[in-house]
């Protein structure tokens, strides 16, 4: 079996979701995901994947460790080196190679990675933020997720710093925007969350908990706060 191509597809989700597919001459394909966790990373990740495809062309995709080492050695010393986006590309390709191996053996991956622990896996709904910044908006979104049958929810409770929205930090304040909401809360110098921001997060968490009540569990993502 030989690798014939590695193709990518970029989806618009919470930022760029970068999927890749390893194709082989036997018709078996493997899927992987490159998650850069930073904005505007899709283009360099896609370009690095194209380079990796040339490096791995003609190789047996089942030789996962050797191919990982080959890519590691190739990118060493080049832009990105062995951190950041190079690691993102390596991880996505490795996931896809494992997928190819499992399909080629007719076995689920858990059989190749130590065996099964459970028959079912509980999933949670990543609800993001509310449609608005107020606690009631968070509560409404929580109720909708419970109505869909989810018993576990996760929210980003740091959306839209009230201090930033009031314009108190000035033009130099660095913020990312999604749907017009600021996702940068911390003082850019002290790196701390102030009292108003903390209270806003607590109110949202409280509203979600009251909306869910005994129907499920709640998790809250303060994202590096």
N, C-alpha and C. Protein backbone atom coordinates (compact mmCIF):
# COMPACT_ATOMS: atom_id res chain seq x y z
N UNK A 1 0.84 -1.19 0.00
CA UNK A 1 0.00 0.00 0.00
C UNK A 1 0.88 1.25 0.00
N UNK A 2 0.50 2.23 -0.82
CA UNK A 2 1.29 3.45 -0.93
C UNK A 2 0.39 4.70 -0.82
N UNK A 3 0.97 5.74 -0.23
CA UNK A 3 0.27 7.02 -0.15
C UNK A 3 0.30 7.68 -1.52
N UNK A 4 -0.86 8.09 -2.00
CA UNK A 4 -0.94 8.77 -3.30
C UNK A 4 -1.24 10.26 -3.18
N UNK A 5 -1.88 10.66 -2.09
CA UNK A 5 -2.21 12.08 -1.92
C UNK A 5 -2.61 12.35 -0.48
N UNK A 6 -2.44 13.60 -0.07
CA UNK A 6 -2.98 14.09 1.21
C UNK A 6 -3.72 15.37 0.88
N UNK A 7 -5.01 15.37 1.11
CA UNK A 7 -5.84 16.51 0.74
C UNK A 7 -6.45 17.16 1.99
N UNK A 8 -6.71 18.46 1.90
CA UNK A 8 -7.24 19.20 3.04
C UNK A 8 -8.57 19.86 2.69
N UNK A 9 -9.34 20.13 3.73
CA UNK A 9 -10.59 20.86 3.59
C UNK A 9 -10.75 21.75 4.81
N UNK A 10 -11.02 23.03 4.60
CA UNK A 10 -11.15 23.99 5.70
C UNK A 10 -12.62 24.35 5.87
N UNK A 11 -13.15 24.11 7.06
CA UNK A 11 -14.54 24.40 7.38
C UNK A 11 -14.61 25.60 8.31
N UNK A 12 -15.65 26.39 8.17
CA UNK A 12 -15.85 27.56 9.03
C UNK A 12 -16.68 27.15 10.24
N UNK A 13 -16.02 27.02 11.40
CA UNK A 13 -16.71 26.73 12.64
C UNK A 13 -16.37 27.81 13.63
N UNK A 14 -15.95 27.43 14.83
CA UNK A 14 -15.37 28.39 15.76
C UNK A 14 -13.93 28.62 15.30
N UNK A 15 -13.76 29.49 14.34
CA UNK A 15 -12.46 29.62 13.69
C UNK A 15 -12.39 28.63 12.53
N UNK A 16 -11.19 28.26 12.13
CA UNK A 16 -10.99 27.34 11.02
C UNK A 16 -10.86 25.91 11.53
N UNK A 17 -11.71 25.03 11.00
CA UNK A 17 -11.59 23.61 11.28
C UNK A 17 -10.93 22.97 10.06
N UNK A 18 -9.74 22.41 10.25
CA UNK A 18 -8.94 21.92 9.13
C UNK A 18 -8.92 20.39 9.16
N UNK A 19 -9.57 19.79 8.19
CA UNK A 19 -9.60 18.34 8.07
C UNK A 19 -8.68 17.91 6.93
N UNK A 20 -8.11 16.71 7.06
CA UNK A 20 -7.28 16.20 5.96
C UNK A 20 -7.61 14.74 5.71
N UNK A 21 -7.30 14.31 4.50
CA UNK A 21 -7.55 12.92 4.10
C UNK A 21 -6.30 12.37 3.43
N UNK A 22 -5.82 11.25 3.94
CA UNK A 22 -4.72 10.52 3.32
C UNK A 22 -5.31 9.49 2.37
N UNK A 23 -4.89 9.52 1.10
CA UNK A 23 -5.41 8.59 0.10
C UNK A 23 -4.31 7.60 -0.28
N UNK A 24 -4.73 6.39 -0.64
CA UNK A 24 -3.77 5.34 -0.99
C UNK A 24 -4.14 4.69 -2.32
N UNK A 25 -3.18 3.94 -2.86
CA UNK A 25 -3.39 3.28 -4.14
C UNK A 25 -4.34 2.09 -4.03
N UNK A 26 -4.68 1.68 -2.82
CA UNK A 26 -5.62 0.57 -2.64
C UNK A 26 -7.04 1.06 -2.34
N UNK A 27 -7.23 2.36 -2.42
CA UNK A 27 -8.56 2.91 -2.22
C UNK A 27 -8.94 3.15 -0.77
N UNK A 28 -8.06 2.80 0.16
CA UNK A 28 -8.32 3.05 1.58
C UNK A 28 -7.91 4.49 1.90
N UNK A 29 -8.77 5.20 2.60
CA UNK A 29 -8.45 6.57 2.99
C UNK A 29 -8.50 6.71 4.51
N UNK A 30 -7.77 7.68 5.02
CA UNK A 30 -7.77 7.96 6.45
C UNK A 30 -8.05 9.43 6.69
N UNK A 31 -8.83 9.73 7.72
CA UNK A 31 -9.19 11.10 8.04
C UNK A 31 -8.46 11.58 9.30
N UNK A 32 -8.07 12.84 9.29
CA UNK A 32 -7.42 13.44 10.44
C UNK A 32 -7.84 14.88 10.58
N UNK A 33 -7.51 15.50 11.70
CA UNK A 33 -7.84 16.90 11.93
C UNK A 33 -6.61 17.65 12.41
N UNK A 34 -6.37 18.81 11.80
CA UNK A 34 -5.30 19.70 12.24
C UNK A 34 -5.94 20.86 12.99
N UNK A 35 -5.72 20.94 14.28
CA UNK A 35 -6.36 21.98 15.09
C UNK A 35 -5.30 22.98 15.57
N UNK A 36 -5.19 24.14 14.92
CA UNK A 36 -4.12 25.07 15.27
C UNK A 36 -4.39 25.91 16.50
N UNK A 37 -5.67 26.09 16.87
CA UNK A 37 -6.06 26.85 18.06
C UNK A 37 -5.67 28.33 17.98
N UNK A 38 -5.36 28.81 16.80
CA UNK A 38 -5.08 30.24 16.62
C UNK A 38 -5.81 30.70 15.36
N UNK A 39 -6.09 31.99 15.30
CA UNK A 39 -6.79 32.53 14.15
C UNK A 39 -5.88 32.63 12.93
N UNK A 40 -6.46 32.58 11.75
CA UNK A 40 -5.77 32.80 10.47
C UNK A 40 -4.65 31.80 10.21
N UNK A 41 -4.81 30.58 10.71
CA UNK A 41 -3.75 29.58 10.54
C UNK A 41 -4.02 28.62 9.41
N UNK A 42 -5.19 28.71 8.79
CA UNK A 42 -5.57 27.70 7.79
C UNK A 42 -4.59 27.67 6.62
N UNK A 43 -4.23 28.84 6.08
CA UNK A 43 -3.38 28.86 4.89
C UNK A 43 -2.01 28.22 5.14
N UNK A 44 -1.28 28.62 6.20
CA UNK A 44 0.02 27.95 6.42
C UNK A 44 -0.10 26.47 6.72
N UNK A 45 -1.16 26.06 7.43
CA UNK A 45 -1.34 24.64 7.71
C UNK A 45 -1.58 23.87 6.41
N UNK A 46 -2.42 24.40 5.55
CA UNK A 46 -2.69 23.75 4.27
C UNK A 46 -1.42 23.66 3.43
N UNK A 47 -0.62 24.73 3.41
CA UNK A 47 0.61 24.71 2.62
C UNK A 47 1.61 23.71 3.18
N UNK A 48 1.73 23.63 4.49
CA UNK A 48 2.63 22.65 5.10
C UNK A 48 2.17 21.23 4.81
N UNK A 49 0.85 21.04 4.79
CA UNK A 49 0.32 19.71 4.47
C UNK A 49 0.66 19.31 3.05
N UNK A 50 0.63 20.27 2.12
CA UNK A 50 1.02 19.99 0.74
C UNK A 50 2.48 19.57 0.66
N UNK A 51 3.32 20.22 1.44
CA UNK A 51 4.73 19.84 1.48
C UNK A 51 4.86 18.43 2.04
N UNK A 52 4.14 18.16 3.14
CA UNK A 52 4.20 16.83 3.74
C UNK A 52 3.73 15.75 2.78
N UNK A 53 2.74 16.08 1.96
CA UNK A 53 2.24 15.11 0.98
C UNK A 53 3.34 14.72 0.00
N UNK A 54 4.15 15.68 -0.42
CA UNK A 54 5.26 15.37 -1.34
C UNK A 54 6.32 14.51 -0.65
N UNK A 55 6.57 14.80 0.62
CA UNK A 55 7.58 14.04 1.37
C UNK A 55 7.14 12.59 1.57
N UNK A 56 5.85 12.37 1.76
CA UNK A 56 5.36 11.03 2.07
C UNK A 56 4.83 10.27 0.84
N UNK A 57 4.85 10.88 -0.30
CA UNK A 57 4.33 10.22 -1.51
C UNK A 57 5.06 8.90 -1.76
N UNK A 58 4.28 7.84 -2.00
CA UNK A 58 4.85 6.53 -2.28
C UNK A 58 5.18 5.72 -1.05
N UNK A 59 5.04 6.29 0.13
CA UNK A 59 5.35 5.56 1.36
C UNK A 59 4.17 4.68 1.77
N UNK A 60 4.48 3.65 2.56
CA UNK A 60 3.45 2.79 3.13
C UNK A 60 2.84 3.50 4.34
N UNK A 61 1.55 3.85 4.31
CA UNK A 61 0.94 4.62 5.39
C UNK A 61 0.88 3.88 6.72
N UNK A 62 1.10 2.58 6.69
CA UNK A 62 1.02 1.79 7.92
C UNK A 62 2.29 1.88 8.76
N UNK A 63 3.34 2.45 8.19
CA UNK A 63 4.59 2.64 8.94
C UNK A 63 4.53 3.97 9.68
N UNK A 64 3.63 4.06 10.62
CA UNK A 64 3.28 5.35 11.23
C UNK A 64 4.46 6.01 11.93
N UNK A 65 5.15 5.29 12.80
CA UNK A 65 6.24 5.91 13.55
C UNK A 65 7.37 6.37 12.64
N UNK A 66 7.69 5.54 11.64
CA UNK A 66 8.79 5.92 10.73
C UNK A 66 8.41 7.16 9.92
N UNK A 67 7.16 7.24 9.46
CA UNK A 67 6.75 8.39 8.67
C UNK A 67 6.68 9.66 9.52
N UNK A 68 6.26 9.51 10.77
CA UNK A 68 6.26 10.66 11.68
C UNK A 68 7.68 11.18 11.85
N UNK A 69 8.62 10.26 12.03
CA UNK A 69 10.03 10.67 12.19
C UNK A 69 10.57 11.31 10.91
N UNK A 70 10.15 10.79 9.78
CA UNK A 70 10.60 11.36 8.50
C UNK A 70 10.13 12.80 8.36
N UNK A 71 8.88 13.07 8.70
CA UNK A 71 8.37 14.44 8.64
C UNK A 71 9.05 15.32 9.69
N UNK A 72 9.25 14.78 10.85
CA UNK A 72 9.93 15.53 11.93
C UNK A 72 11.30 15.99 11.44
N UNK A 73 12.06 15.06 10.88
CA UNK A 73 13.40 15.40 10.40
C UNK A 73 13.35 16.39 9.24
N UNK A 74 12.35 16.26 8.38
CA UNK A 74 12.26 17.16 7.23
C UNK A 74 11.99 18.60 7.67
N UNK A 75 11.05 18.77 8.61
CA UNK A 75 10.69 20.13 9.03
C UNK A 75 11.68 20.74 10.02
N UNK A 76 12.55 19.93 10.60
CA UNK A 76 13.49 20.44 11.58
C UNK A 76 14.36 21.54 10.97
N UNK A 77 14.33 22.71 11.60
CA UNK A 77 15.14 23.83 11.12
C UNK A 77 14.44 24.69 10.09
N UNK A 78 13.32 24.22 9.57
CA UNK A 78 12.57 25.02 8.61
C UNK A 78 11.59 25.95 9.34
N UNK A 79 10.94 26.88 8.64
CA UNK A 79 10.01 27.80 9.30
C UNK A 79 8.95 27.05 10.11
N UNK A 80 8.80 27.45 11.36
CA UNK A 80 7.88 26.76 12.24
C UNK A 80 8.57 25.70 13.07
N UNK A 81 9.69 25.18 12.56
CA UNK A 81 10.50 24.19 13.23
C UNK A 81 9.64 23.10 13.87
N UNK A 82 9.89 22.76 15.14
CA UNK A 82 9.17 21.64 15.74
C UNK A 82 8.13 22.07 16.76
N UNK A 83 7.61 23.28 16.60
CA UNK A 83 6.56 23.73 17.49
C UNK A 83 5.44 24.35 16.64
N UNK A 84 4.40 24.77 17.29
CA UNK A 84 3.36 25.50 16.59
C UNK A 84 2.71 24.71 15.48
N UNK A 85 2.66 25.32 14.28
CA UNK A 85 1.89 24.76 13.18
C UNK A 85 2.47 23.47 12.63
N UNK A 86 3.77 23.28 12.75
CA UNK A 86 4.35 22.01 12.30
C UNK A 86 3.78 20.85 13.12
N UNK A 87 3.69 21.05 14.43
CA UNK A 87 3.10 20.03 15.29
C UNK A 87 1.64 19.79 14.93
N UNK A 88 0.94 20.86 14.57
CA UNK A 88 -0.45 20.74 14.15
C UNK A 88 -0.58 19.84 12.93
N UNK A 89 0.29 20.06 11.95
CA UNK A 89 0.27 19.26 10.73
C UNK A 89 0.64 17.79 11.03
N UNK A 90 1.69 17.60 11.81
CA UNK A 90 2.11 16.25 12.15
C UNK A 90 1.00 15.47 12.85
N UNK A 91 0.31 16.11 13.78
CA UNK A 91 -0.73 15.41 14.53
C UNK A 91 -1.90 15.03 13.62
N UNK A 92 -2.30 15.94 12.71
CA UNK A 92 -3.40 15.62 11.80
C UNK A 92 -3.07 14.46 10.89
N UNK A 93 -1.86 14.45 10.37
CA UNK A 93 -1.45 13.36 9.48
C UNK A 93 -1.36 12.04 10.25
N UNK A 94 -0.83 12.08 11.45
CA UNK A 94 -0.72 10.84 12.23
C UNK A 94 -2.09 10.24 12.51
N UNK A 95 -3.07 11.09 12.86
CA UNK A 95 -4.42 10.60 13.09
C UNK A 95 -4.94 9.86 11.85
N UNK A 96 -4.71 10.47 10.68
CA UNK A 96 -5.19 9.87 9.43
C UNK A 96 -4.47 8.56 9.14
N UNK A 97 -3.19 8.47 9.45
CA UNK A 97 -2.44 7.23 9.22
C UNK A 97 -2.97 6.10 10.10
N UNK A 98 -3.30 6.42 11.33
CA UNK A 98 -3.90 5.40 12.20
C UNK A 98 -5.24 4.95 11.64
N UNK A 99 -6.00 5.88 11.08
CA UNK A 99 -7.28 5.53 10.48
C UNK A 99 -7.09 4.56 9.32
N UNK A 100 -6.08 4.81 8.49
CA UNK A 100 -5.77 3.90 7.38
C UNK A 100 -5.39 2.52 7.91
N UNK A 101 -4.55 2.49 8.94
CA UNK A 101 -4.12 1.21 9.48
C UNK A 101 -5.30 0.40 9.99
N UNK A 102 -6.18 1.04 10.76
CA UNK A 102 -7.33 0.33 11.28
C UNK A 102 -8.21 -0.23 10.17
N UNK A 103 -8.45 0.58 9.14
CA UNK A 103 -9.29 0.13 8.03
C UNK A 103 -8.63 -1.01 7.26
N UNK A 104 -7.32 -0.95 7.11
CA UNK A 104 -6.61 -1.99 6.36
C UNK A 104 -6.67 -3.34 7.08
N UNK A 105 -6.76 -3.30 8.41
CA UNK A 105 -6.83 -4.53 9.21
C UNK A 105 -8.26 -4.94 9.53
N UNK A 106 -9.21 -4.07 9.16
CA UNK A 106 -10.59 -4.37 9.48
C UNK A 106 -10.88 -4.34 10.97
N UNK A 107 -10.14 -3.50 11.69
CA UNK A 107 -10.28 -3.44 13.14
C UNK A 107 -10.48 -2.00 13.60
N UNK A 108 -11.31 -1.77 14.63
CA UNK A 108 -11.43 -0.42 15.18
C UNK A 108 -10.14 -0.03 15.87
N UNK A 109 -9.87 1.27 15.91
CA UNK A 109 -8.59 1.73 16.45
C UNK A 109 -8.40 1.36 17.92
N UNK A 110 -9.48 1.27 18.67
CA UNK A 110 -9.28 0.94 20.08
C UNK A 110 -8.65 -0.43 20.26
N UNK A 111 -8.83 -1.33 19.28
CA UNK A 111 -8.18 -2.64 19.36
C UNK A 111 -6.67 -2.52 19.20
N UNK A 112 -6.23 -1.49 18.47
CA UNK A 112 -4.79 -1.30 18.23
C UNK A 112 -4.14 -0.42 19.29
N UNK A 113 -4.96 0.22 20.12
CA UNK A 113 -4.43 1.17 21.10
C UNK A 113 -4.74 0.76 22.54
N UNK A 114 -4.81 -0.54 22.78
CA UNK A 114 -4.95 -0.99 24.16
C UNK A 114 -6.29 -1.57 24.53
N UNK A 115 -7.28 -1.51 23.64
CA UNK A 115 -8.55 -2.14 23.94
C UNK A 115 -9.62 -1.18 24.41
N UNK A 116 -10.82 -1.72 24.59
CA UNK A 116 -12.00 -0.92 24.90
C UNK A 116 -12.21 -0.81 26.41
N UNK A 117 -12.62 0.38 26.83
CA UNK A 117 -12.97 0.60 28.23
C UNK A 117 -14.47 0.56 28.46
N UNK A 118 -15.25 1.06 27.52
CA UNK A 118 -16.70 1.19 27.72
C UNK A 118 -17.42 0.98 26.40
N UNK A 119 -18.72 0.75 26.48
CA UNK A 119 -19.53 0.55 25.29
C UNK A 119 -20.15 1.84 24.78
N UNK A 120 -20.32 2.80 25.66
CA UNK A 120 -20.93 4.07 25.28
C UNK A 120 -20.10 5.21 25.85
N UNK A 121 -20.09 6.34 25.14
CA UNK A 121 -19.37 7.52 25.59
C UNK A 121 -20.34 8.69 25.69
N UNK A 122 -20.37 9.31 26.83
CA UNK A 122 -21.23 10.48 27.01
C UNK A 122 -20.63 11.67 26.28
N UNK A 123 -21.47 12.42 25.59
CA UNK A 123 -21.00 13.61 24.87
C UNK A 123 -21.60 14.85 25.51
N UNK A 124 -20.92 15.98 25.33
CA UNK A 124 -21.47 17.24 25.82
C UNK A 124 -21.68 18.19 24.65
N UNK A 125 -22.60 19.14 24.84
CA UNK A 125 -22.87 20.15 23.82
C UNK A 125 -21.99 21.36 24.10
N UNK A 126 -21.13 21.68 23.13
CA UNK A 126 -20.31 22.89 23.23
C UNK A 126 -21.18 24.06 22.77
N UNK A 127 -21.76 24.78 23.69
CA UNK A 127 -22.74 25.81 23.37
C UNK A 127 -22.12 27.15 23.01
N UNK A 128 -20.80 27.28 23.18
CA UNK A 128 -20.17 28.56 22.90
C UNK A 128 -20.67 29.60 23.87
N UNK A 129 -21.00 30.78 23.37
CA UNK A 129 -21.58 31.84 24.18
C UNK A 129 -23.07 31.92 23.92
N UNK A 130 -23.75 32.78 24.65
CA UNK A 130 -25.15 33.03 24.35
C UNK A 130 -25.26 33.86 23.08
N UNK A 131 -26.46 33.96 22.56
CA UNK A 131 -26.65 34.81 21.39
C UNK A 131 -26.40 36.27 21.73
N UNK A 132 -26.59 36.61 23.01
CA UNK A 132 -26.25 37.92 23.53
C UNK A 132 -25.31 37.75 24.70
N UNK A 133 -24.94 38.85 25.35
CA UNK A 133 -24.00 38.78 26.46
C UNK A 133 -24.68 38.65 27.81
N UNK A 134 -25.99 38.81 27.86
CA UNK A 134 -26.70 38.80 29.13
C UNK A 134 -26.91 37.36 29.62
N UNK A 135 -27.02 37.16 30.93
CA UNK A 135 -27.23 35.81 31.47
C UNK A 135 -28.46 35.12 30.91
N UNK A 136 -29.54 35.88 30.65
CA UNK A 136 -30.76 35.27 30.13
C UNK A 136 -30.52 34.60 28.79
N UNK A 137 -29.65 35.18 27.97
CA UNK A 137 -29.33 34.60 26.67
C UNK A 137 -28.60 33.27 26.85
N UNK A 138 -27.70 33.21 27.83
CA UNK A 138 -27.01 31.95 28.13
C UNK A 138 -28.01 30.90 28.61
N UNK A 139 -28.94 31.31 29.47
CA UNK A 139 -29.93 30.38 29.99
C UNK A 139 -30.81 29.84 28.88
N UNK A 140 -31.19 30.69 27.94
CA UNK A 140 -32.02 30.24 26.82
C UNK A 140 -31.30 29.20 25.97
N UNK A 141 -30.01 29.42 25.73
CA UNK A 141 -29.24 28.47 24.93
C UNK A 141 -29.08 27.15 25.68
N UNK A 142 -28.90 27.23 27.00
CA UNK A 142 -28.79 26.02 27.80
C UNK A 142 -30.08 25.21 27.74
N UNK A 143 -31.20 25.88 27.85
CA UNK A 143 -32.49 25.19 27.78
C UNK A 143 -32.71 24.50 26.44
N UNK A 144 -32.26 25.16 25.37
CA UNK A 144 -32.41 24.56 24.04
C UNK A 144 -31.57 23.30 23.91
N UNK A 145 -30.36 23.31 24.49
CA UNK A 145 -29.49 22.13 24.41
C UNK A 145 -30.08 20.97 25.20
N UNK A 146 -30.63 21.26 26.37
CA UNK A 146 -31.27 20.22 27.18
C UNK A 146 -32.46 19.63 26.43
N UNK A 147 -33.21 20.48 25.75
CA UNK A 147 -34.38 20.02 24.99
C UNK A 147 -33.98 19.08 23.86
N UNK A 148 -32.74 19.22 23.38
CA UNK A 148 -32.25 18.34 22.32
C UNK A 148 -31.78 17.00 22.86
N UNK A 149 -31.75 16.87 24.18
CA UNK A 149 -31.37 15.60 24.78
C UNK A 149 -29.99 15.55 25.40
N UNK A 150 -29.26 16.64 25.37
CA UNK A 150 -27.92 16.65 25.97
C UNK A 150 -28.03 16.70 27.49
N UNK A 151 -27.19 15.94 28.16
CA UNK A 151 -27.16 15.93 29.62
C UNK A 151 -25.90 16.59 30.17
N UNK A 152 -25.07 17.11 29.30
CA UNK A 152 -23.86 17.84 29.72
C UNK A 152 -23.63 18.98 28.73
N UNK A 153 -23.33 20.17 29.26
CA UNK A 153 -23.16 21.37 28.45
C UNK A 153 -21.86 22.07 28.82
N UNK A 154 -21.30 22.79 27.84
CA UNK A 154 -20.14 23.63 28.13
C UNK A 154 -20.36 25.00 27.51
N UNK A 155 -20.03 26.04 28.28
CA UNK A 155 -20.19 27.42 27.82
C UNK A 155 -18.88 28.19 27.95
N UNK A 156 -18.68 29.14 27.03
CA UNK A 156 -17.59 30.12 27.15
C UNK A 156 -18.15 31.30 27.93
N UNK A 157 -17.77 31.40 29.20
CA UNK A 157 -18.38 32.42 30.04
C UNK A 157 -17.60 33.73 30.03
N UNK A 158 -16.53 33.80 29.24
CA UNK A 158 -15.69 35.00 29.25
C UNK A 158 -16.00 35.95 28.10
N UNK A 159 -17.06 35.68 27.33
CA UNK A 159 -17.33 36.48 26.13
C UNK A 159 -17.69 37.91 26.48
N UNK A 160 -17.07 38.85 25.76
CA UNK A 160 -17.48 40.25 25.84
C UNK A 160 -17.16 40.96 27.12
N UNK A 161 -15.91 41.23 27.37
CA UNK A 161 -15.52 41.97 28.57
C UNK A 161 -16.29 43.28 28.67
N UNK A 162 -17.00 43.54 29.79
CA UNK A 162 -17.71 44.81 29.94
C UNK A 162 -16.77 46.00 29.95
N UNK A 163 -15.55 45.77 30.43
CA UNK A 163 -14.57 46.87 30.43
C UNK A 163 -14.17 47.21 29.01
N UNK A 164 -13.91 46.15 28.19
CA UNK A 164 -13.53 46.42 26.81
C UNK A 164 -14.67 47.08 26.04
N UNK A 165 -15.89 46.57 26.25
CA UNK A 165 -17.03 47.11 25.52
C UNK A 165 -17.30 48.56 25.89
N UNK A 166 -16.90 48.95 27.10
CA UNK A 166 -17.07 50.34 27.51
C UNK A 166 -15.98 51.23 26.93
N UNK A 167 -14.98 50.61 26.29
CA UNK A 167 -13.93 51.38 25.65
C UNK A 167 -12.88 51.92 26.59
N UNK A 168 -12.74 51.31 27.78
CA UNK A 168 -11.84 51.86 28.78
C UNK A 168 -10.37 51.57 28.50
N UNK A 169 -10.07 50.62 27.61
CA UNK A 169 -8.67 50.25 27.40
C UNK A 169 -8.02 51.03 26.26
N UNK A 170 -8.79 51.71 25.45
CA UNK A 170 -8.19 52.49 24.37
C UNK A 170 -7.92 51.65 23.14
N UNK A 171 -7.36 52.29 22.12
CA UNK A 171 -7.19 51.65 20.82
C UNK A 171 -6.14 50.55 20.82
N UNK A 172 -5.21 50.57 21.75
CA UNK A 172 -4.13 49.59 21.75
C UNK A 172 -4.51 48.24 22.33
N UNK A 173 -5.73 48.11 22.83
CA UNK A 173 -6.14 46.85 23.46
C UNK A 173 -6.36 45.79 22.41
N UNK A 174 -5.69 44.66 22.56
CA UNK A 174 -5.73 43.58 21.58
C UNK A 174 -6.93 42.67 21.84
N UNK A 175 -7.82 42.55 20.87
CA UNK A 175 -9.00 41.71 21.07
C UNK A 175 -9.33 40.95 19.80
N UNK A 176 -9.79 39.72 19.96
CA UNK A 176 -10.33 38.96 18.83
C UNK A 176 -11.83 39.17 18.81
N UNK A 177 -12.42 39.09 17.64
CA UNK A 177 -13.85 39.34 17.53
C UNK A 177 -14.54 38.17 16.82
N UNK A 178 -15.68 37.79 17.34
CA UNK A 178 -16.54 36.81 16.70
C UNK A 178 -17.97 37.28 16.90
N UNK A 179 -18.67 37.48 15.82
CA UNK A 179 -20.04 38.01 15.87
C UNK A 179 -20.09 39.32 16.64
N UNK A 180 -19.03 40.12 16.57
CA UNK A 180 -19.03 41.41 17.22
C UNK A 180 -18.75 41.35 18.71
N UNK A 181 -18.39 40.16 19.23
CA UNK A 181 -18.14 40.01 20.66
C UNK A 181 -16.64 39.96 20.91
N UNK A 182 -16.18 40.66 21.93
CA UNK A 182 -14.77 40.60 22.30
C UNK A 182 -14.51 39.36 23.13
N UNK A 183 -13.41 38.65 22.82
CA UNK A 183 -13.04 37.48 23.60
C UNK A 183 -11.76 37.70 24.38
N UNK A 184 -11.34 38.95 24.52
CA UNK A 184 -10.15 39.25 25.30
C UNK A 184 -10.57 39.98 26.56
N UNK A 185 -10.37 39.33 27.70
CA UNK A 185 -10.83 39.91 28.96
C UNK A 185 -9.70 40.53 29.75
N UNK A 186 -8.55 39.95 29.74
CA UNK A 186 -7.53 40.32 30.71
C UNK A 186 -6.92 41.69 30.44
N UNK A 187 -6.55 42.33 31.53
CA UNK A 187 -5.71 43.52 31.43
C UNK A 187 -4.49 43.12 30.60
N UNK A 188 -4.16 43.84 29.52
CA UNK A 188 -3.06 43.40 28.66
C UNK A 188 -1.70 43.43 29.33
N UNK A 189 -1.60 44.05 30.49
CA UNK A 189 -0.31 44.14 31.17
C UNK A 189 -0.28 43.29 32.44
N UNK A 190 -1.29 43.43 33.30
CA UNK A 190 -1.33 42.65 34.53
C UNK A 190 -1.85 41.23 34.29
N UNK A 191 -2.53 41.01 33.15
CA UNK A 191 -3.05 39.69 32.78
C UNK A 191 -4.06 39.16 33.79
N UNK A 192 -4.80 40.04 34.43
CA UNK A 192 -5.74 39.60 35.45
C UNK A 192 -7.17 39.97 35.07
N UNK A 193 -8.12 39.22 35.60
CA UNK A 193 -9.54 39.50 35.41
C UNK A 193 -9.99 40.41 36.54
N UNK A 194 -10.65 41.51 36.21
CA UNK A 194 -11.07 42.43 37.27
C UNK A 194 -12.40 41.98 37.88
N UNK A 195 -12.85 42.71 38.89
CA UNK A 195 -14.04 42.29 39.64
C UNK A 195 -15.29 42.28 38.75
N UNK A 196 -15.46 43.30 37.91
CA UNK A 196 -16.64 43.37 37.06
C UNK A 196 -16.69 42.19 36.10
N UNK A 197 -15.56 41.82 35.55
CA UNK A 197 -15.50 40.69 34.63
C UNK A 197 -15.81 39.38 35.35
N UNK A 198 -15.24 39.23 36.54
CA UNK A 198 -15.49 38.02 37.33
C UNK A 198 -16.98 37.90 37.66
N UNK A 199 -17.61 38.98 38.05
CA UNK A 199 -19.03 38.96 38.38
C UNK A 199 -19.89 38.62 37.16
N UNK A 200 -19.50 39.16 36.00
CA UNK A 200 -20.25 38.86 34.78
C UNK A 200 -20.18 37.37 34.46
N UNK A 201 -19.01 36.77 34.61
CA UNK A 201 -18.88 35.33 34.36
C UNK A 201 -19.69 34.52 35.36
N UNK A 202 -19.67 34.93 36.62
CA UNK A 202 -20.42 34.21 37.66
C UNK A 202 -21.92 34.27 37.39
N UNK A 203 -22.41 35.42 36.93
CA UNK A 203 -23.84 35.55 36.64
C UNK A 203 -24.25 34.63 35.49
N UNK A 204 -23.40 34.51 34.49
CA UNK A 204 -23.73 33.63 33.37
C UNK A 204 -23.74 32.17 33.81
N UNK A 205 -22.74 31.79 34.61
CA UNK A 205 -22.68 30.41 35.11
C UNK A 205 -23.90 30.09 35.96
N UNK A 206 -24.32 31.05 36.78
CA UNK A 206 -25.49 30.85 37.63
C UNK A 206 -26.76 30.70 36.79
N UNK A 207 -26.89 31.50 35.75
CA UNK A 207 -28.07 31.42 34.89
C UNK A 207 -28.15 30.08 34.16
N UNK A 208 -27.02 29.59 33.71
CA UNK A 208 -26.99 28.29 33.03
C UNK A 208 -27.36 27.18 33.99
N UNK A 209 -26.82 27.23 35.20
CA UNK A 209 -27.12 26.20 36.19
C UNK A 209 -28.60 26.17 36.53
N UNK A 210 -29.20 27.34 36.68
CA UNK A 210 -30.62 27.41 37.01
C UNK A 210 -31.49 26.92 35.85
N UNK A 211 -31.03 27.15 34.62
CA UNK A 211 -31.80 26.69 33.46
C UNK A 211 -31.73 25.17 33.32
N UNK A 212 -30.58 24.60 33.62
CA UNK A 212 -30.39 23.15 33.47
C UNK A 212 -30.98 22.39 34.65
N UNK A 213 -30.81 22.93 35.86
CA UNK A 213 -31.26 22.31 37.11
C UNK A 213 -30.77 20.86 37.19
N UNK A 214 -31.69 19.91 37.36
CA UNK A 214 -31.29 18.52 37.54
C UNK A 214 -31.20 17.75 36.23
N UNK A 215 -31.35 18.45 35.10
CA UNK A 215 -31.38 17.78 33.81
C UNK A 215 -30.00 17.41 33.29
N UNK A 216 -28.95 17.98 33.88
CA UNK A 216 -27.62 17.67 33.36
C UNK A 216 -26.53 18.40 34.12
N UNK A 217 -25.31 18.26 33.62
CA UNK A 217 -24.13 18.87 34.21
C UNK A 217 -23.64 20.03 33.36
N UNK A 218 -22.99 20.99 34.00
CA UNK A 218 -22.51 22.19 33.30
C UNK A 218 -21.01 22.35 33.49
N UNK A 219 -20.34 22.69 32.40
CA UNK A 219 -18.92 23.03 32.46
C UNK A 219 -18.76 24.43 31.88
N UNK A 220 -17.79 25.15 32.41
CA UNK A 220 -17.59 26.53 31.97
C UNK A 220 -16.13 26.75 31.62
N UNK A 221 -15.91 27.29 30.43
CA UNK A 221 -14.56 27.48 29.91
C UNK A 221 -14.15 28.94 30.06
N UNK A 222 -13.21 29.24 30.99
CA UNK A 222 -12.71 30.61 31.13
C UNK A 222 -11.56 30.91 30.19
N UNK A 223 -11.07 29.91 29.48
CA UNK A 223 -10.04 30.04 28.44
C UNK A 223 -8.84 30.87 28.87
N UNK A 224 -7.98 30.22 29.63
CA UNK A 224 -6.68 30.79 30.01
C UNK A 224 -6.81 32.03 30.90
N UNK A 225 -7.89 32.13 31.62
CA UNK A 225 -8.06 33.30 32.50
C UNK A 225 -7.41 33.04 33.83
